[in-house]
Amino acid sequence: MPAHSRDPKSIPLSALQHYLFCPRQCALIHNEQVWAENQFTAEGQLLHKKANEGPDEHRASGTILRHLHVSSETYNLNGICDIVERSPSGILTPVEYKRGKPKSHRADEVQVCAQAICLEEMFQTHIPEGHIYYGKTKRRTAIALDEEIRDLTLSIISQTTALFSNNETPTADYLRKRCDACSLIDLCMPGALRLKRGAKRWFQESLATNPQL
């Protein structure tokens, strides 16, 4: 389950990805403290565990820092970087591990950019790019931390902060591609799915009480 900060004003880095994927999912997890596991979340946690295990490494090609806690006072962010690589010249590169493959939306990129924003504030440096390692492809994807992704990330930070402050849970429509893979689907019951299941339940109950239907 995603870690929650004790500071109610602080936004976990994972919440930004949750918000961009689905604001309702973000509110359920971080406002209502609701969580459920499925195959995808279990596989994701296993991949994170493998990335986080072991000590930091110091090589001629640079340093590998594992499970690094990061934060930003400016944007009230906190979280953990799976891996941060530091080159001999001091350039930092956050590396986020994901179980699947590159996605059509930019939630993973926003999470990596937010990690970079935290690192830049902590170490007073500039980070030109981050990486995402996808377990399904077993390859890294380089993410240029340009103005476009930074603007999107700051916008999502602002919207997530408002969601936390309002402490409200948005409604959601059922989108098969998004909702069927979500571990919270049975707890969330998005609009169209709720109606569909409600109609099915009504029919089953009616059939049970009146077999002639």
C-alpha atoms as a PDB file:
ATOM      1  CA  MET A   1       0.000   0.000   0.000  1.00  0.00           C
ATOM      2  CA  PRO A   2       1.346   3.470  -0.784  1.00  0.00           C
ATOM      3  CA  ALA A   3       2.980   5.205   2.171  1.00  0.00           C
ATOM      4  CA  HIS A   4       1.167   8.208   3.619  1.00  0.00           C
ATOM      5  CA  SER A   5       2.880  11.210   5.161  1.00  0.00           C
ATOM      6  CA  ARG A   6       2.010  12.196   8.701  1.00  0.00           C
ATOM      7  CA  ASP A   7       1.834  15.785   7.484  1.00  0.00           C
ATOM      8  CA  PRO A   8      -1.656  16.238   5.978  1.00  0.00           C
ATOM      9  CA  LYS A   9      -0.320  19.013   3.754  1.00  0.00           C
ATOM     10  CA  SER A  10       2.368  16.805   2.252  1.00  0.00           C
ATOM     11  CA  ILE A  11       1.649  15.079  -1.052  1.00  0.00           C
ATOM     12  CA  PRO A  12       3.117  11.592  -1.601  1.00  0.00           C
ATOM     13  CA  LEU A  13       4.808  11.341  -4.977  1.00  0.00           C
ATOM     14  CA  SER A  14       2.672   8.320  -5.788  1.00  0.00           C
ATOM     15  CA  ALA A  15      -0.468  10.461  -5.398  1.00  0.00           C
ATOM     16  CA  LEU A  16       0.474  12.488  -8.473  1.00  0.00           C
ATOM     17  CA  GLN A  17       0.498   9.379 -10.627  1.00  0.00           C
ATOM     18  CA  HIS A  18      -2.768   8.231  -9.062  1.00  0.00           C
ATOM     19  CA  TYR A  19      -4.372  11.616  -9.742  1.00  0.00           C
ATOM     20  CA  LEU A  20      -3.387  11.769 -13.398  1.00  0.00           C
ATOM     21  CA  PHE A  21      -4.557   8.182 -13.900  1.00  0.00           C
ATOM     22  CA  CYS A  22      -7.856   8.803 -12.070  1.00  0.00           C
ATOM     23  CA  PRO A  23      -8.702  11.551  -9.533  1.00  0.00           C
ATOM     24  CA  ARG A  24     -11.249   9.252  -7.865  1.00  0.00           C
ATOM     25  CA  GLN A  25      -8.621   6.552  -7.369  1.00  0.00           C
ATOM     26  CA  CYS A  26      -6.302   9.162  -5.853  1.00  0.00           C
ATOM     27  CA  ALA A  27      -8.983  10.322  -3.395  1.00  0.00           C
ATOM     28  CA  LEU A  28      -9.938   6.775  -2.404  1.00  0.00           C
ATOM     29  CA  ILE A  29      -6.322   5.875  -1.639  1.00  0.00           C
ATOM     30  CA  HIS A  30      -5.049   9.074  -0.073  1.00  0.00           C
ATOM     31  CA  ASN A  31      -8.165  10.745   1.403  1.00  0.00           C
ATOM     32  CA  GLU A  32     -10.217   7.701   2.382  1.00  0.00           C
ATOM     33  CA  GLN A  33      -7.249   5.376   3.024  1.00  0.00           C
ATOM     34  CA  VAL A  34      -8.805   2.634   0.878  1.00  0.00           C
ATOM     35  CA  TRP A  35      -6.573  -0.011  -0.672  1.00  0.00           C
ATOM     36  CA  ALA A  36      -6.880  -3.426  -2.302  1.00  0.00           C
ATOM     37  CA  GLU A  37      -4.339  -5.696  -3.947  1.00  0.00           C
ATOM     38  CA  ASN A  38      -4.562  -7.402  -7.298  1.00  0.00           C
ATOM     39  CA  GLN A  39      -2.091  -9.144  -9.599  1.00  0.00           C
ATOM     40  CA  PHE A  40      -0.783  -5.884 -11.004  1.00  0.00           C
ATOM     41  CA  THR A  41      -0.165  -4.165  -7.660  1.00  0.00           C
ATOM     42  CA  ALA A  42       1.521  -7.297  -6.279  1.00  0.00           C
ATOM     43  CA  GLU A  43       3.815  -7.527  -9.299  1.00  0.00           C
ATOM     44  CA  GLY A  44       4.610  -3.831  -8.992  1.00  0.00           C
ATOM     45  CA  GLN A  45       5.541  -4.120  -5.333  1.00  0.00           C
ATOM     46  CA  LEU A  46       7.794  -7.090  -6.095  1.00  0.00           C
ATOM     47  CA  LEU A  47       9.613  -5.110  -8.771  1.00  0.00           C
ATOM     48  CA  HIS A  48      10.056  -2.145  -6.407  1.00  0.00           C
ATOM     49  CA  LYS A  49      11.412  -4.494  -3.728  1.00  0.00           C
ATOM     50  CA  LYS A  50      14.035  -5.881  -6.101  1.00  0.00           C
ATOM     51  CA  ALA A  51      15.095  -2.366  -7.102  1.00  0.00           C
ATOM     52  CA  ASN A  52      15.290  -1.169  -3.490  1.00  0.00           C
ATOM     53  CA  GLU A  53      17.162  -4.145  -2.047  1.00  0.00           C
ATOM     54  CA  GLY A  54      20.871  -4.036  -1.423  1.00  0.00           C
ATOM     55  CA  PRO A  55      23.290  -1.303  -0.397  1.00  0.00           C
ATOM     56  CA  ASP A  56      24.245   1.773  -2.353  1.00  0.00           C
ATOM     57  CA  GLU A  57      26.912   1.100  -4.966  1.00  0.00           C
ATOM     58  CA  HIS A  58      29.992   3.124  -5.780  1.00  0.00           C
ATOM     59  CA  ARG A  59      31.563   2.506  -9.162  1.00  0.00           C
ATOM     60  CA  ALA A  60      33.965   4.231 -11.510  1.00  0.00           C
ATOM     61  CA  SER A  61      30.960   5.032 -13.699  1.00  0.00           C
ATOM     62  CA  GLY A  62      29.135   6.670 -10.796  1.00  0.00           C
ATOM     63  CA  THR A  63      27.100   6.020  -7.639  1.00  0.00           C
ATOM     64  CA  ILE A  64      23.806   4.158  -7.340  1.00  0.00           C
ATOM     65  CA  LEU A  65      21.608   5.294  -4.432  1.00  0.00           C
ATOM     66  CA  ARG A  66      18.705   2.990  -3.546  1.00  0.00           C
ATOM     67  CA  HIS A  67      15.410   3.714  -1.790  1.00  0.00           C
ATOM     68  CA  LEU A  68      16.256   7.389  -1.366  1.00  0.00           C
ATOM     69  CA  HIS A  69      13.772   9.473   0.642  1.00  0.00           C
ATOM     70  CA  VAL A  70      13.138  12.823  -1.036  1.00  0.00           C
ATOM     71  CA  SER A  71      10.963  15.844  -0.361  1.00  0.00           C
ATOM     72  CA  SER A  72      10.176  19.381  -1.438  1.00  0.00           C
ATOM     73  CA  GLU A  73       9.164  22.099   1.012  1.00  0.00           C
ATOM     74  CA  THR A  74       8.209  24.351  -1.897  1.00  0.00           C
ATOM     75  CA  TYR A  75       5.567  21.978  -3.208  1.00  0.00           C
ATOM     76  CA  ASN A  76       4.854  19.939  -0.047  1.00  0.00           C
ATOM     77  CA  LEU A  77       6.003  16.705  -1.668  1.00  0.00           C
ATOM     78  CA  ASN A  78       7.515  13.607  -0.127  1.00  0.00           C
ATOM     79  CA  GLY A  79       8.340  10.128  -1.284  1.00  0.00           C
ATOM     80  CA  ILE A  80      10.954   7.588  -2.229  1.00  0.00           C
ATOM     81  CA  CYS A  81      13.051   7.231  -5.364  1.00  0.00           C
ATOM     82  CA  ASP A  82      13.661   3.606  -6.302  1.00  0.00           C
ATOM     83  CA  ILE A  83      17.123   4.464  -7.588  1.00  0.00           C
ATOM     84  CA  VAL A  84      19.055   7.681  -8.071  1.00  0.00           C
ATOM     85  CA  GLU A  85      22.189   7.485 -10.168  1.00  0.00           C
ATOM     86  CA  ARG A  86      24.941  10.056  -9.685  1.00  0.00           C
ATOM     87  CA  SER A  87      27.521  10.449 -12.426  1.00  0.00           C
ATOM     88  CA  PRO A  88      31.194  11.225 -11.696  1.00  0.00           C
ATOM     89  CA  SER A  89      30.456  14.845 -12.642  1.00  0.00           C
ATOM     90  CA  GLY A  90      27.593  14.999 -10.117  1.00  0.00           C
ATOM     91  CA  ILE A  91      24.574  14.770 -12.450  1.00  0.00           C
ATOM     92  CA  LEU A  92      21.629  13.052 -10.734  1.00  0.00           C
ATOM     93  CA  THR A  93      19.195  10.792 -12.596  1.00  0.00           C
ATOM     94  CA  PRO A  94      16.103   9.348 -10.878  1.00  0.00           C
ATOM     95  CA  VAL A  95      15.141   5.855 -12.087  1.00  0.00           C
ATOM     96  CA  GLU A  96      11.572   4.685 -11.421  1.00  0.00           C
ATOM     97  CA  TYR A  97      10.610   1.007 -11.749  1.00  0.00           C
ATOM     98  CA  LYS A  98       7.222   0.043 -13.223  1.00  0.00           C
ATOM     99  CA  ARG A  99       5.852  -3.452 -13.783  1.00  0.00           C
ATOM    100  CA  GLY A 100       4.172  -2.882 -17.154  1.00  0.00           C
ATOM    101  CA  LYS A 101       5.151  -1.070 -20.321  1.00  0.00           C
ATOM    102  CA  PRO A 102       5.139   2.565 -21.531  1.00  0.00           C
ATOM    103  CA  LYS A 103       1.629   4.012 -21.327  1.00  0.00           C
ATOM    104  CA  SER A 104      -0.490   6.295 -23.475  1.00  0.00           C
ATOM    105  CA  HIS A 105      -0.904   8.766 -20.598  1.00  0.00           C
ATOM    106  CA  ARG A 106       1.941  10.578 -18.820  1.00  0.00           C
ATOM    107  CA  ALA A 107       1.382   9.536 -15.203  1.00  0.00           C
ATOM    108  CA  ASP A 108       4.716   7.699 -14.931  1.00  0.00           C
ATOM    109  CA  GLU A 109       6.567  10.653 -16.439  1.00  0.00           C
ATOM    110  CA  VAL A 110       4.929  13.043 -13.971  1.00  0.00           C
ATOM    111  CA  GLN A 111       6.039  10.882 -11.049  1.00  0.00           C
ATOM    112  CA  VAL A 112       9.654  10.870 -12.283  1.00  0.00           C
ATOM    113  CA  CYS A 113       9.569  14.619 -12.920  1.00  0.00           C
ATOM    114  CA  ALA A 114       8.281  15.207  -9.381  1.00  0.00           C
ATOM    115  CA  GLN A 115      11.155  13.102  -8.050  1.00  0.00           C
ATOM    116  CA  ALA A 116      13.548  15.304  -9.988  1.00  0.00           C
ATOM    117  CA  ILE A 117      11.913  18.461  -8.608  1.00  0.00           C
ATOM    118  CA  CYS A 118      12.501  17.156  -5.077  1.00  0.00           C
ATOM    119  CA  LEU A 119      16.110  16.220  -5.835  1.00  0.00           C
ATOM    120  CA  GLU A 120      16.784  19.597  -7.434  1.00  0.00           C
ATOM    121  CA  GLU A 121      15.564  21.380  -4.313  1.00  0.00           C
ATOM    122  CA  MET A 122      17.440  19.078  -1.935  1.00  0.00           C
ATOM    123  CA  PHE A 123      20.778  19.147  -3.790  1.00  0.00           C
ATOM    124  CA  GLN A 124      20.528  22.579  -5.445  1.00  0.00           C
ATOM    125  CA  THR A 125      21.131  21.183  -8.898  1.00  0.00           C
ATOM    126  CA  HIS A 126      19.459  20.808 -12.287  1.00  0.00           C
ATOM    127  CA  ILE A 127      18.322  17.404 -13.532  1.00  0.00           C
ATOM    128  CA  PRO A 128      17.940  17.176 -17.322  1.00  0.00           C
ATOM    129  CA  GLU A 129      16.315  13.739 -17.534  1.00  0.00           C
ATOM    130  CA  GLY A 130      14.924  10.788 -15.635  1.00  0.00           C
ATOM    131  CA  HIS A 131      14.499   7.116 -16.528  1.00  0.00           C
ATOM    132  CA  ILE A 132      11.656   4.620 -16.204  1.00  0.00           C
ATOM    133  CA  TYR A 133      12.456   0.909 -16.205  1.00  0.00           C
ATOM    134  CA  TYR A 134       9.505  -1.180 -17.383  1.00  0.00           C
ATOM    135  CA  GLY A 135       9.366  -4.771 -16.175  1.00  0.00           C
ATOM    136  CA  LYS A 136       7.405  -6.022 -19.171  1.00  0.00           C
ATOM    137  CA  THR A 137       9.859  -4.736 -21.777  1.00  0.00           C
ATOM    138  CA  LYS A 138      12.890  -5.000 -19.462  1.00  0.00           C
ATOM    139  CA  ARG A 139      14.119  -1.728 -20.890  1.00  0.00           C
ATOM    140  CA  ARG A 140      14.601   1.807 -19.721  1.00  0.00           C
ATOM    141  CA  THR A 141      12.802   4.747 -21.226  1.00  0.00           C
ATOM    142  CA  ALA A 142      14.591   8.090 -20.960  1.00  0.00           C
ATOM    143  CA  ILE A 143      12.340  11.015 -20.033  1.00  0.00           C
ATOM    144  CA  ALA A 144      13.501  14.497 -21.024  1.00  0.00           C
ATOM    145  CA  LEU A 145      12.525  16.803 -18.165  1.00  0.00           C
ATOM    146  CA  ASP A 146      11.649  19.676 -20.442  1.00  0.00           C
ATOM    147  CA  GLU A 147       9.336  22.623 -19.876  1.00  0.00           C
ATOM    148  CA  GLU A 148       6.286  20.701 -21.110  1.00  0.00           C
ATOM    149  CA  ILE A 149       6.524  17.839 -18.605  1.00  0.00           C
ATOM    150  CA  ARG A 150       7.497  20.222 -15.805  1.00  0.00           C
ATOM    151  CA  ASP A 151       4.430  22.404 -16.484  1.00  0.00           C
ATOM    152  CA  LEU A 152       2.203  19.319 -16.503  1.00  0.00           C
ATOM    153  CA  THR A 153       3.755  18.086 -13.259  1.00  0.00           C
ATOM    154  CA  LEU A 154       3.255  21.429 -11.502  1.00  0.00           C
ATOM    155  CA  SER A 155      -0.356  21.470 -12.693  1.00  0.00           C
ATOM    156  CA  ILE A 156      -0.970  17.968 -11.302  1.00  0.00           C
ATOM    157  CA  ILE A 157       0.702  18.952  -8.019  1.00  0.00           C
ATOM    158  CA  SER A 158      -1.680  21.921  -7.756  1.00  0.00           C
ATOM    159  CA  GLN A 159      -4.750  19.814  -8.549  1.00  0.00           C
ATOM    160  CA  THR A 160      -3.726  17.052  -6.152  1.00  0.00           C
ATOM    161  CA  THR A 161      -3.100  19.596  -3.402  1.00  0.00           C
ATOM    162  CA  ALA A 162      -6.643  20.933  -3.918  1.00  0.00           C
ATOM    163  CA  LEU A 163      -8.035  17.392  -3.787  1.00  0.00           C
ATOM    164  CA  PHE A 164      -6.275  16.797  -0.471  1.00  0.00           C
ATOM    165  CA  SER A 165      -7.402  20.148   0.930  1.00  0.00           C
ATOM    166  CA  ASN A 166     -11.051  19.664  -0.058  1.00  0.00           C
ATOM    167  CA  ASN A 167     -11.002  16.085   1.240  1.00  0.00           C
ATOM    168  CA  GLU A 168     -13.614  15.147  -1.335  1.00  0.00           C
ATOM    169  CA  THR A 169     -13.900  12.050  -3.517  1.00  0.00           C
ATOM    170  CA  PRO A 170     -14.847  12.788  -7.124  1.00  0.00           C
ATOM    171  CA  THR A 171     -17.342  10.656  -9.009  1.00  0.00           C
ATOM    172  CA  ALA A 172     -16.060   8.514 -11.882  1.00  0.00           C
ATOM    173  CA  ASP A 173     -17.442   7.041 -15.058  1.00  0.00           C
ATOM    174  CA  TYR A 174     -16.622   3.484 -15.981  1.00  0.00           C
ATOM    175  CA  LEU A 175     -13.872   3.272 -18.613  1.00  0.00           C
ATOM    176  CA  ARG A 176     -13.089  -0.337 -19.332  1.00  0.00           C
ATOM    177  CA  LYS A 177      -9.424   0.108 -20.264  1.00  0.00           C
ATOM    178  CA  ARG A 178      -8.753   2.100 -17.100  1.00  0.00           C
ATOM    179  CA  CYS A 179     -11.101   0.575 -14.571  1.00  0.00           C
ATOM    180  CA  ASP A 180     -10.791  -3.152 -15.237  1.00  0.00           C
ATOM    181  CA  ALA A 181      -7.102  -3.136 -14.298  1.00  0.00           C
ATOM    182  CA  CYS A 182      -7.654  -1.085 -11.123  1.00  0.00           C
ATOM    183  CA  SER A 183      -7.439  -3.009  -7.856  1.00  0.00           C
ATOM    184  CA  LEU A 184     -10.094  -0.716  -6.365  1.00  0.00           C
ATOM    185  CA  ILE A 185     -12.800  -1.386  -8.934  1.00  0.00           C
ATOM    186  CA  ASP A 186     -15.070  -3.347  -6.561  1.00  0.00           C
ATOM    187  CA  LEU A 187     -14.682  -0.678  -3.875  1.00  0.00           C
ATOM    188  CA  CYS A 188     -14.954   2.243  -6.291  1.00  0.00           C
ATOM    189  CA  MET A 189     -17.882   1.022  -8.410  1.00  0.00           C
ATOM    190  CA  PRO A 190     -17.603   3.744 -11.092  1.00  0.00           C
ATOM    191  CA  GLY A 191     -20.839   5.160 -12.498  1.00  0.00           C
ATOM    192  CA  ALA A 192     -21.739   3.013 -15.514  1.00  0.00           C
ATOM    193  CA  LEU A 193     -20.459  -0.177 -13.880  1.00  0.00           C
ATOM    194  CA  ARG A 194     -22.480   0.562 -10.761  1.00  0.00           C
ATOM    195  CA  LEU A 195     -25.637   0.893 -12.856  1.00  0.00           C
ATOM    196  CA  LYS A 196     -24.821  -2.242 -14.837  1.00  0.00           C
ATOM    197  CA  ARG A 197     -24.231  -4.343 -11.737  1.00  0.00           C
ATOM    198  CA  GLY A 198     -27.245  -2.815 -10.026  1.00  0.00           C
ATOM    199  CA  ALA A 199     -29.480  -3.784 -12.961  1.00  0.00           C
ATOM    200  CA  LYS A 200     -28.042  -7.308 -12.974  1.00  0.00           C
ATOM    201  CA  ARG A 201     -28.640  -7.664  -9.241  1.00  0.00           C
ATOM    202  CA  TRP A 202     -32.219  -6.393  -9.644  1.00  0.00           C
ATOM    203  CA  PHE A 203     -32.881  -8.917 -12.399  1.00  0.00           C
ATOM    204  CA  GLN A 204     -31.424 -11.797 -10.363  1.00  0.00           C
ATOM    205  CA  GLU A 205     -33.460 -10.852  -7.308  1.00  0.00           C
ATOM    206  CA  SER A 206     -36.622 -10.492  -9.419  1.00  0.00           C
ATOM    207  CA  LEU A 207     -35.994 -13.888 -11.018  1.00  0.00           C
ATOM    208  CA  ALA A 208     -35.504 -15.485  -7.617  1.00  0.00           C
ATOM    209  CA  THR A 209     -38.812 -14.143  -6.308  1.00  0.00           C
ATOM    210  CA  ASN A 210     -40.721 -14.758  -9.540  1.00  0.00           C
ATOM    211  CA  PRO A 211     -39.324 -17.758 -11.487  1.00  0.00           C
ATOM    212  CA  GLN A 212     -41.889 -17.225 -14.260  1.00  0.00           C
ATOM    213  CA  LEU A 213     -40.058 -14.109 -15.469  1.00  0.00           C
END
